[in-house]
Amino acid sequence: MGRITHKGIMEVEGNGIPERDKARQQVLARINELTSGDPDVYLSIDALAGELNMMRYELFDILNFLQGEGLVRILSRMSVAIINRD
């Protein structure tokens, strides 16, 4: 059995995979567009999933990643907001 490597972890988590990176950028861009970059504006996750034509669980995977990166915050699993980067 092989060793656990950083490269292997990145592959499993989807970092560096063009389709996942593209989906993450698309979600982040749409959140920025809909909130006008205002961290006080909250979006319904269900409405955002419909807007992006995604299943809720797919969107949650992306939002959890973006939250881990400090780019968005998920509020009570119902809404999402952009984080002020100033």
PDB file of N, CA and C in Angstrom:
ATOM      1  N   MET A   1       0.850  -1.176   0.000  1.00  0.00           N
ATOM      2  CA  MET A   1       0.000   0.000   0.000  1.00  0.00           C
ATOM      3  C   MET A   1       0.893   1.236   0.000  1.00  0.00           C
ATOM      4  N   GLY A   2       0.480   2.252  -0.740  1.00  0.00           N
ATOM      5  CA  GLY A   2       1.268   3.470  -0.863  1.00  0.00           C
ATOM      6  C   GLY A   2       1.074   4.419   0.301  1.00  0.00           C
ATOM      7  N   ARG A   3       1.888   5.456   0.269  1.00  0.00           N
ATOM      8  CA  ARG A   3       1.808   6.492   1.303  1.00  0.00           C
ATOM      9  C   ARG A   3       0.788   7.549   0.918  1.00  0.00           C
ATOM     10  N   ILE A   4       0.273   8.220   1.933  1.00  0.00           N
ATOM     11  CA  ILE A   4      -0.605   9.361   1.696  1.00  0.00           C
ATOM     12  C   ILE A   4       0.292  10.546   1.372  1.00  0.00           C
ATOM     13  N   THR A   5       0.029  11.173   0.242  1.00  0.00           N
ATOM     14  CA  THR A   5       0.831  12.318  -0.182  1.00  0.00           C
ATOM     15  C   THR A   5      -0.057  13.541  -0.348  1.00  0.00           C
ATOM     16  N   HIS A   6       0.575  14.700  -0.361  1.00  0.00           N
ATOM     17  CA  HIS A   6      -0.164  15.946  -0.585  1.00  0.00           C
ATOM     18  C   HIS A   6      -0.853  15.901  -1.950  1.00  0.00           C
ATOM     19  N   LYS A   7      -0.137  15.395  -2.950  1.00  0.00           N
ATOM     20  CA  LYS A   7      -0.712  15.299  -4.292  1.00  0.00           C
ATOM     21  C   LYS A   7      -1.968  14.427  -4.281  1.00  0.00           C
ATOM     22  N   GLY A   8      -1.903  13.301  -3.571  1.00  0.00           N
ATOM     23  CA  GLY A   8      -3.058  12.413  -3.487  1.00  0.00           C
ATOM     24  C   GLY A   8      -4.241  13.058  -2.787  1.00  0.00           C
ATOM     25  N   ILE A   9      -3.962  13.774  -1.716  1.00  0.00           N
ATOM     26  CA  ILE A   9      -5.025  14.480  -0.994  1.00  0.00           C
ATOM     27  C   ILE A   9      -5.667  15.520  -1.898  1.00  0.00           C
ATOM     28  N   MET A  10      -4.856  16.270  -2.624  1.00  0.00           N
ATOM     29  CA  MET A  10      -5.385  17.296  -3.526  1.00  0.00           C
ATOM     30  C   MET A  10      -6.250  16.663  -4.616  1.00  0.00           C
ATOM     31  N   GLU A  11      -5.853  15.507  -5.120  1.00  0.00           N
ATOM     32  CA  GLU A  11      -6.652  14.825  -6.138  1.00  0.00           C
ATOM     33  C   GLU A  11      -7.999  14.396  -5.581  1.00  0.00           C
ATOM     34  N   VAL A  12      -7.994  13.820  -4.391  1.00  0.00           N
ATOM     35  CA  VAL A  12      -9.230  13.346  -3.777  1.00  0.00           C
ATOM     36  C   VAL A  12     -10.170  14.507  -3.488  1.00  0.00           C
ATOM     37  N   GLU A  13      -9.635  15.623  -3.007  1.00  0.00           N
ATOM     38  CA  GLU A  13     -10.468  16.783  -2.689  1.00  0.00           C
ATOM     39  C   GLU A  13     -10.856  17.565  -3.933  1.00  0.00           C
ATOM     40  N   GLY A  14     -10.262  17.246  -5.058  1.00  0.00           N
ATOM     41  CA  GLY A  14     -10.644  17.900  -6.299  1.00  0.00           C
ATOM     42  C   GLY A  14      -9.898  19.170  -6.601  1.00  0.00           C
ATOM     43  N   ASN A  15      -8.888  19.512  -5.819  1.00  0.00           N
ATOM     44  CA  ASN A  15      -8.107  20.706  -6.112  1.00  0.00           C
ATOM     45  C   ASN A  15      -7.266  20.441  -7.343  1.00  0.00           C
ATOM     46  N   GLY A  16      -7.257  21.382  -8.252  1.00  0.00           N
ATOM     47  CA  GLY A  16      -6.478  21.225  -9.460  1.00  0.00           C
ATOM     48  C   GLY A  16      -7.230  20.498 -10.559  1.00  0.00           C
ATOM     49  N   ILE A  17      -8.431  20.022 -10.274  1.00  0.00           N
ATOM     50  CA  ILE A  17      -9.231  19.375 -11.310  1.00  0.00           C
ATOM     51  C   ILE A  17     -10.031  20.476 -12.000  1.00  0.00           C
ATOM     52  N   PRO A  18      -9.803  20.663 -13.291  1.00  0.00           N
ATOM     53  CA  PRO A  18     -10.409  21.810 -13.989  1.00  0.00           C
ATOM     54  C   PRO A  18     -11.918  21.940 -13.820  1.00  0.00           C
ATOM     55  N   GLU A  19     -12.667  20.836 -13.863  1.00  0.00           N
ATOM     56  CA  GLU A  19     -14.131  20.933 -13.749  1.00  0.00           C
ATOM     57  C   GLU A  19     -14.545  21.467 -12.380  1.00  0.00           C
ATOM     58  N   ARG A  20     -13.891  20.994 -11.342  1.00  0.00           N
ATOM     59  CA  ARG A  20     -14.241  21.455  -9.990  1.00  0.00           C
ATOM     60  C   ARG A  20     -13.813  22.899  -9.776  1.00  0.00           C
ATOM     61  N   ASP A  21     -12.618  23.237 -10.240  1.00  0.00           N
ATOM     62  CA  ASP A  21     -12.161  24.624 -10.110  1.00  0.00           C
ATOM     63  C   ASP A  21     -13.104  25.566 -10.849  1.00  0.00           C
ATOM     64  N   LYS A  22     -13.528  25.163 -12.041  1.00  0.00           N
ATOM     65  CA  LYS A  22     -14.442  25.991 -12.837  1.00  0.00           C
ATOM     66  C   LYS A  22     -15.780  26.162 -12.111  1.00  0.00           C
ATOM     67  N   ALA A  23     -16.310  25.077 -11.544  1.00  0.00           N
ATOM     68  CA  ALA A  23     -17.587  25.152 -10.822  1.00  0.00           C
ATOM     69  C   ALA A  23     -17.461  26.055  -9.601  1.00  0.00           C
ATOM     70  N   ARG A  24     -16.350  25.952  -8.879  1.00  0.00           N
ATOM     71  CA  ARG A  24     -16.142  26.797  -7.694  1.00  0.00           C
ATOM     72  C   ARG A  24     -16.071  28.264  -8.083  1.00  0.00           C
ATOM     73  N   GLN A  25     -15.350  28.561  -9.155  1.00  0.00           N
ATOM     74  CA  GLN A  25     -15.245  29.946  -9.615  1.00  0.00           C
ATOM     75  C   GLN A  25     -16.598  30.467 -10.082  1.00  0.00           C
ATOM     76  N   GLN A  26     -17.372  29.616 -10.749  1.00  0.00           N
ATOM     77  CA  GLN A  26     -18.698  30.008 -11.217  1.00  0.00           C
ATOM     78  C   GLN A  26     -19.610  30.346 -10.036  1.00  0.00           C
ATOM     79  N   VAL A  27     -19.595  29.509  -9.011  1.00  0.00           N
ATOM     80  CA  VAL A  27     -20.436  29.747  -7.831  1.00  0.00           C
ATOM     81  C   VAL A  27     -20.014  31.035  -7.133  1.00  0.00           C
ATOM     82  N   LEU A  28     -18.720  31.208  -6.922  1.00  0.00           N
ATOM     83  CA  LEU A  28     -18.230  32.408  -6.242  1.00  0.00           C
ATOM     84  C   LEU A  28     -18.560  33.666  -7.042  1.00  0.00           C
ATOM     85  N   ALA A  29     -18.396  33.607  -8.352  1.00  0.00           N
ATOM     86  CA  ALA A  29     -18.707  34.765  -9.201  1.00  0.00           C
ATOM     87  C   ALA A  29     -20.196  35.104  -9.128  1.00  0.00           C
ATOM     88  N   ARG A  30     -21.046  34.080  -9.136  1.00  0.00           N
ATOM     89  CA  ARG A  30     -22.494  34.320  -9.088  1.00  0.00           C
ATOM     90  C   ARG A  30     -22.911  34.906  -7.737  1.00  0.00           C
ATOM     91  N   ILE A  31     -22.304  34.418  -6.663  1.00  0.00           N
ATOM     92  CA  ILE A  31     -22.598  34.976  -5.338  1.00  0.00           C
ATOM     93  C   ILE A  31     -22.170  36.436  -5.295  1.00  0.00           C
ATOM     94  N   ASN A  32     -20.983  36.737  -5.804  1.00  0.00           N
ATOM     95  CA  ASN A  32     -20.512  38.125  -5.850  1.00  0.00           C
ATOM     96  C   ASN A  32     -21.454  38.997  -6.662  1.00  0.00           C
ATOM     97  N   GLU A  33     -21.911  38.474  -7.796  1.00  0.00           N
ATOM     98  CA  GLU A  33     -22.806  39.237  -8.668  1.00  0.00           C
ATOM     99  C   GLU A  33     -24.151  39.506  -7.989  1.00  0.00           C
ATOM    100  N   LEU A  34     -24.733  38.475  -7.393  1.00  0.00           N
ATOM    101  CA  LEU A  34     -26.056  38.622  -6.779  1.00  0.00           C
ATOM    102  C   LEU A  34     -26.039  39.474  -5.515  1.00  0.00           C
ATOM    103  N   THR A  35     -24.909  39.482  -4.805  1.00  0.00           N
ATOM    104  CA  THR A  35     -24.818  40.274  -3.573  1.00  0.00           C
ATOM    105  C   THR A  35     -24.134  41.616  -3.803  1.00  0.00           C
ATOM    106  N   SER A  36     -23.655  41.849  -4.998  1.00  0.00           N
ATOM    107  CA  SER A  36     -22.853  43.039  -5.325  1.00  0.00           C
ATOM    108  C   SER A  36     -21.652  43.152  -4.388  1.00  0.00           C
ATOM    109  N   GLY A  37     -21.163  42.001  -3.930  1.00  0.00           N
ATOM    110  CA  GLY A  37     -19.997  41.981  -3.050  1.00  0.00           C
ATOM    111  C   GLY A  37     -20.269  42.449  -1.632  1.00  0.00           C
ATOM    112  N   ASP A  38     -21.545  42.643  -1.293  1.00  0.00           N
ATOM    113  CA  ASP A  38     -21.926  43.137   0.037  1.00  0.00           C
ATOM    114  C   ASP A  38     -22.047  41.968   1.019  1.00  0.00           C
ATOM    115  N   PRO A  39     -21.212  41.919   2.063  1.00  0.00           N
ATOM    116  CA  PRO A  39     -21.267  40.804   3.010  1.00  0.00           C
ATOM    117  C   PRO A  39     -22.521  40.797   3.886  1.00  0.00           C
ATOM    118  N   ASP A  40     -23.304  41.868   3.847  1.00  0.00           N
ATOM    119  CA  ASP A  40     -24.539  41.928   4.629  1.00  0.00           C
ATOM    120  C   ASP A  40     -25.746  41.394   3.863  1.00  0.00           C
ATOM    121  N   VAL A  41     -25.539  40.995   2.602  1.00  0.00           N
ATOM    122  CA  VAL A  41     -26.619  40.436   1.793  1.00  0.00           C
ATOM    123  C   VAL A  41     -26.509  38.917   1.841  1.00  0.00           C
ATOM    124  N   TYR A  42     -27.601  38.262   2.199  1.00  0.00           N
ATOM    125  CA  TYR A  42     -27.634  36.802   2.312  1.00  0.00           C
ATOM    126  C   TYR A  42     -28.446  36.221   1.165  1.00  0.00           C
ATOM    127  N   LEU A  43     -27.985  35.107   0.632  1.00  0.00           N
ATOM    128  CA  LEU A  43     -28.687  34.427  -0.452  1.00  0.00           C
ATOM    129  C   LEU A  43     -29.226  33.093   0.048  1.00  0.00           C
ATOM    130  N   SER A  44     -30.427  32.760  -0.362  1.00  0.00           N
ATOM    131  CA  SER A  44     -30.987  31.448  -0.063  1.00  0.00           C
ATOM    132  C   SER A  44     -30.206  30.401  -0.852  1.00  0.00           C
ATOM    133  N   ILE A  45     -29.751  29.367  -0.167  1.00  0.00           N
ATOM    134  CA  ILE A  45     -28.983  28.318  -0.835  1.00  0.00           C
ATOM    135  C   ILE A  45     -29.855  27.581  -1.846  1.00  0.00           C
ATOM    136  N   ASP A  46     -31.115  27.349  -1.524  1.00  0.00           N
ATOM    137  CA  ASP A  46     -32.011  26.678  -2.470  1.00  0.00           C
ATOM    138  C   ASP A  46     -32.204  27.511  -3.733  1.00  0.00           C
ATOM    139  N   ALA A  47     -32.393  28.816  -3.569  1.00  0.00           N
ATOM    140  CA  ALA A  47     -32.558  29.697  -4.725  1.00  0.00           C
ATOM    141  C   ALA A  47     -31.274  29.755  -5.548  1.00  0.00           C
ATOM    142  N   LEU A  48     -30.130  29.794  -4.869  1.00  0.00           N
ATOM    143  CA  LEU A  48     -28.847  29.822  -5.572  1.00  0.00           C
ATOM    144  C   LEU A  48     -28.636  28.532  -6.357  1.00  0.00           C
ATOM    145  N   ALA A  49     -29.010  27.398  -5.778  1.00  0.00           N
ATOM    146  CA  ALA A  49     -28.892  26.115  -6.484  1.00  0.00           C
ATOM    147  C   ALA A  49     -29.742  26.135  -7.754  1.00  0.00           C
ATOM    148  N   GLY A  50     -30.959  26.669  -7.658  1.00  0.00           N
ATOM    149  CA  GLY A  50     -31.817  26.782  -8.833  1.00  0.00           C
ATOM    150  C   GLY A  50     -31.236  27.719  -9.874  1.00  0.00           C
ATOM    151  N   GLU A  51     -30.693  28.828  -9.414  1.00  0.00           N
ATOM    152  CA  GLU A  51     -30.079  29.821 -10.300  1.00  0.00           C
ATOM    153  C   GLU A  51     -28.910  29.221 -11.083  1.00  0.00           C
ATOM    154  N   LEU A  52     -28.144  28.365 -10.413  1.00  0.00           N
ATOM    155  CA  LEU A  52     -26.960  27.761 -11.030  1.00  0.00           C
ATOM    156  C   LEU A  52     -27.257  26.413 -11.682  1.00  0.00           C
ATOM    157  N   ASN A  53     -28.526  25.981 -11.619  1.00  0.00           N
ATOM    158  CA  ASN A  53     -28.934  24.695 -12.176  1.00  0.00           C
ATOM    159  C   ASN A  53     -28.112  23.546 -11.587  1.00  0.00           C
ATOM    160  N   MET A  54     -27.984  23.549 -10.254  1.00  0.00           N
ATOM    161  CA  MET A  54     -27.229  22.525  -9.534  1.00  0.00           C
ATOM    162  C   MET A  54     -28.135  21.865  -8.511  1.00  0.00           C
ATOM    163  N   MET A  55     -27.780  20.646  -8.157  1.00  0.00           N
ATOM    164  CA  MET A  55     -28.445  19.987  -7.041  1.00  0.00           C
ATOM    165  C   MET A  55     -27.928  20.631  -5.757  1.00  0.00           C
ATOM    166  N   ARG A  56     -28.769  20.643  -4.728  1.00  0.00           N
ATOM    167  CA  ARG A  56     -28.389  21.284  -3.459  1.00  0.00           C
ATOM    168  C   ARG A  56     -27.114  20.673  -2.876  1.00  0.00           C
ATOM    169  N   TYR A  57     -26.976  19.346  -2.943  1.00  0.00           N
ATOM    170  CA  TYR A  57     -25.796  18.696  -2.369  1.00  0.00           C
ATOM    171  C   TYR A  57     -24.525  19.066  -3.134  1.00  0.00           C
ATOM    172  N   GLU A  58     -24.641  19.263  -4.464  1.00  0.00           N
ATOM    173  CA  GLU A  58     -23.475  19.690  -5.251  1.00  0.00           C
ATOM    174  C   GLU A  58     -23.039  21.084  -4.820  1.00  0.00           C
ATOM    175  N   LEU A  59     -24.026  21.961  -4.667  1.00  0.00           N
ATOM    176  CA  LEU A  59     -23.730  23.324  -4.254  1.00  0.00           C
ATOM    177  C   LEU A  59     -23.138  23.341  -2.850  1.00  0.00           C
ATOM    178  N   PHE A  60     -23.658  22.515  -1.943  1.00  0.00           N
ATOM    179  CA  PHE A  60     -23.120  22.465  -0.584  1.00  0.00           C
ATOM    180  C   PHE A  60     -21.663  22.028  -0.571  1.00  0.00           C
ATOM    181  N   ASP A  61     -21.306  21.070  -1.413  1.00  0.00           N
ATOM    182  CA  ASP A  61     -19.901  20.650  -1.493  1.00  0.00           C
ATOM    183  C   ASP A  61     -19.015  21.833  -1.852  1.00  0.00           C
ATOM    184  N   ILE A  62     -19.450  22.610  -2.833  1.00  0.00           N
ATOM    185  CA  ILE A  62     -18.673  23.769  -3.276  1.00  0.00           C
ATOM    186  C   ILE A  62     -18.651  24.842  -2.194  1.00  0.00           C
ATOM    187  N   LEU A  63     -19.814  25.120  -1.589  1.00  0.00           N
ATOM    188  CA  LEU A  63     -19.875  26.148  -0.548  1.00  0.00           C
ATOM    189  C   LEU A  63     -19.025  25.780   0.659  1.00  0.00           C
ATOM    190  N   ASN A  64     -19.013  24.506   1.029  1.00  0.00           N
ATOM    191  CA  ASN A  64     -18.170  24.071   2.143  1.00  0.00           C
ATOM    192  C   ASN A  64     -16.698  24.292   1.825  1.00  0.00           C
ATOM    193  N   PHE A  65     -16.295  24.020   0.590  1.00  0.00           N
ATOM    194  CA  PHE A  65     -14.915  24.271   0.187  1.00  0.00           C
ATOM    195  C   PHE A  65     -14.615  25.769   0.259  1.00  0.00           C
ATOM    196  N   LEU A  66     -15.506  26.596  -0.312  1.00  0.00           N
ATOM    197  CA  LEU A  66     -15.294  28.045  -0.318  1.00  0.00           C
ATOM    198  C   LEU A  66     -15.287  28.610   1.099  1.00  0.00           C
ATOM    199  N   GLN A  67     -16.102  28.051   1.981  1.00  0.00           N
ATOM    200  CA  GLN A  67     -16.095  28.490   3.377  1.00  0.00           C
ATOM    201  C   GLN A  67     -14.761  28.129   4.030  1.00  0.00           C
ATOM    202  N   GLY A  68     -14.247  26.957   3.729  1.00  0.00           N
ATOM    203  CA  GLY A  68     -12.944  26.543   4.248  1.00  0.00           C
ATOM    204  C   GLY A  68     -11.815  27.438   3.774  1.00  0.00           C
ATOM    205  N   GLU A  69     -11.978  28.010   2.587  1.00  0.00           N
ATOM    206  CA  GLU A  69     -10.993  28.935   2.036  1.00  0.00           C
ATOM    207  C   GLU A  69     -11.191  30.359   2.556  1.00  0.00           C
ATOM    208  N   GLY A  70     -12.257  30.583   3.333  1.00  0.00           N
ATOM    209  CA  GLY A  70     -12.520  31.905   3.889  1.00  0.00           C
ATOM    210  C   GLY A  70     -13.145  32.879   2.907  1.00  0.00           C
ATOM    211  N   LEU A  71     -13.841  32.357   1.899  1.00  0.00           N
ATOM    212  CA  LEU A  71     -14.423  33.217   0.868  1.00  0.00           C
ATOM    213  C   LEU A  71     -15.910  33.484   1.068  1.00  0.00           C
ATOM    214  N   VAL A  72     -16.616  32.549   1.684  1.00  0.00           N
ATOM    215  CA  VAL A  72     -18.043  32.716   1.967  1.00  0.00           C
ATOM    216  C   VAL A  72     -18.313  32.194   3.370  1.00  0.00           C
ATOM    217  N   ARG A  73     -19.511  32.493   3.867  1.00  0.00           N
ATOM    218  CA  ARG A  73     -19.930  31.876   5.125  1.00  0.00           C
ATOM    219  C   ARG A  73     -21.341  31.331   4.937  1.00  0.00           C
ATOM    220  N   ILE A  74     -21.534  30.134   5.452  1.00  0.00           N
ATOM    221  CA  ILE A  74     -22.832  29.476   5.394  1.00  0.00           C
ATOM    222  C   ILE A  74     -23.528  29.757   6.716  1.00  0.00           C
ATOM    223  N   LEU A  75     -24.755  30.223   6.630  1.00  0.00           N
ATOM    224  CA  LEU A  75     -25.516  30.593   7.820  1.00  0.00           C
ATOM    225  C   LEU A  75     -26.679  29.631   7.997  1.00  0.00           C
ATOM    226  N   SER A  76     -26.648  28.863   9.028  1.00  0.00           N
ATOM    227  CA  SER A  76     -27.709  27.925   9.423  1.00  0.00           C
ATOM    228  C   SER A  76     -28.163  27.006   8.284  1.00  0.00           C
ATOM    229  N   ARG A  77     -27.267  26.653   7.400  1.00  0.00           N
ATOM    230  CA  ARG A  77     -27.515  25.740   6.283  1.00  0.00           C
ATOM    231  C   ARG A  77     -28.665  26.192   5.375  1.00  0.00           C
ATOM    232  N   MET A  78     -29.089  27.436   5.516  1.00  0.00           N
ATOM    233  CA  MET A  78     -30.184  27.957   4.705  1.00  0.00           C
ATOM    234  C   MET A  78     -29.742  29.071   3.770  1.00  0.00           C
ATOM    235  N   SER A  79     -28.698  29.803   4.178  1.00  0.00           N
ATOM    236  CA  SER A  79     -28.273  30.944   3.374  1.00  0.00           C
ATOM    237  C   SER A  79     -26.756  31.044   3.368  1.00  0.00           C
ATOM    238  N   VAL A  80     -26.273  31.852   2.435  1.00  0.00           N
ATOM    239  CA  VAL A  80     -24.835  32.031   2.269  1.00  0.00           C
ATOM    240  C   VAL A  80     -24.563  33.511   2.028  1.00  0.00           C
ATOM    241  N   ALA A  81     -23.412  33.970   2.488  1.00  0.00           N
ATOM    242  CA  ALA A  81     -22.998  35.364   2.289  1.00  0.00           C
ATOM    243  C   ALA A  81     -21.523  35.374   1.925  1.00  0.00           C
ATOM    244  N   ILE A  82     -21.142  36.383   1.183  1.00  0.00           N
ATOM    245  CA  ILE A  82     -19.739  36.579   0.826  1.00  0.00           C
ATOM    246  C   ILE A  82     -19.027  37.151   2.047  1.00  0.00           C
ATOM    247  N   ILE A  83     -17.754  36.880   2.187  1.00  0.00           N
ATOM    248  CA  ILE A  83     -16.991  37.431   3.308  1.00  0.00           C
ATOM    249  C   ILE A  83     -16.271  38.681   2.840  1.00  0.00           C
ATOM    250  N   ASN A  84     -16.334  39.726   3.654  1.00  0.00           N
ATOM    251  CA  ASN A  84     -15.659  40.985   3.343  1.00  0.00           C
ATOM    252  C   ASN A  84     -14.157  40.760   3.357  1.00  0.00           C
ATOM    253  N   ARG A  85     -13.486  41.012   2.254  1.00  0.00           N
ATOM    254  CA  ARG A  85     -12.058  40.737   2.122  1.00  0.00           C
ATOM    255  C   ARG A  85     -11.195  41.969   2.357  1.00  0.00           C
ATOM    256  N   ASP A  86     -11.750  43.037   2.908  1.00  0.00           N
ATOM    257  CA  ASP A  86     -10.971  44.272   3.132  1.00  0.00           C
ATOM    258  C   ASP A  86      -9.991  44.125   4.241  1.00  0.00           C
TER     259      ASP A  86
END
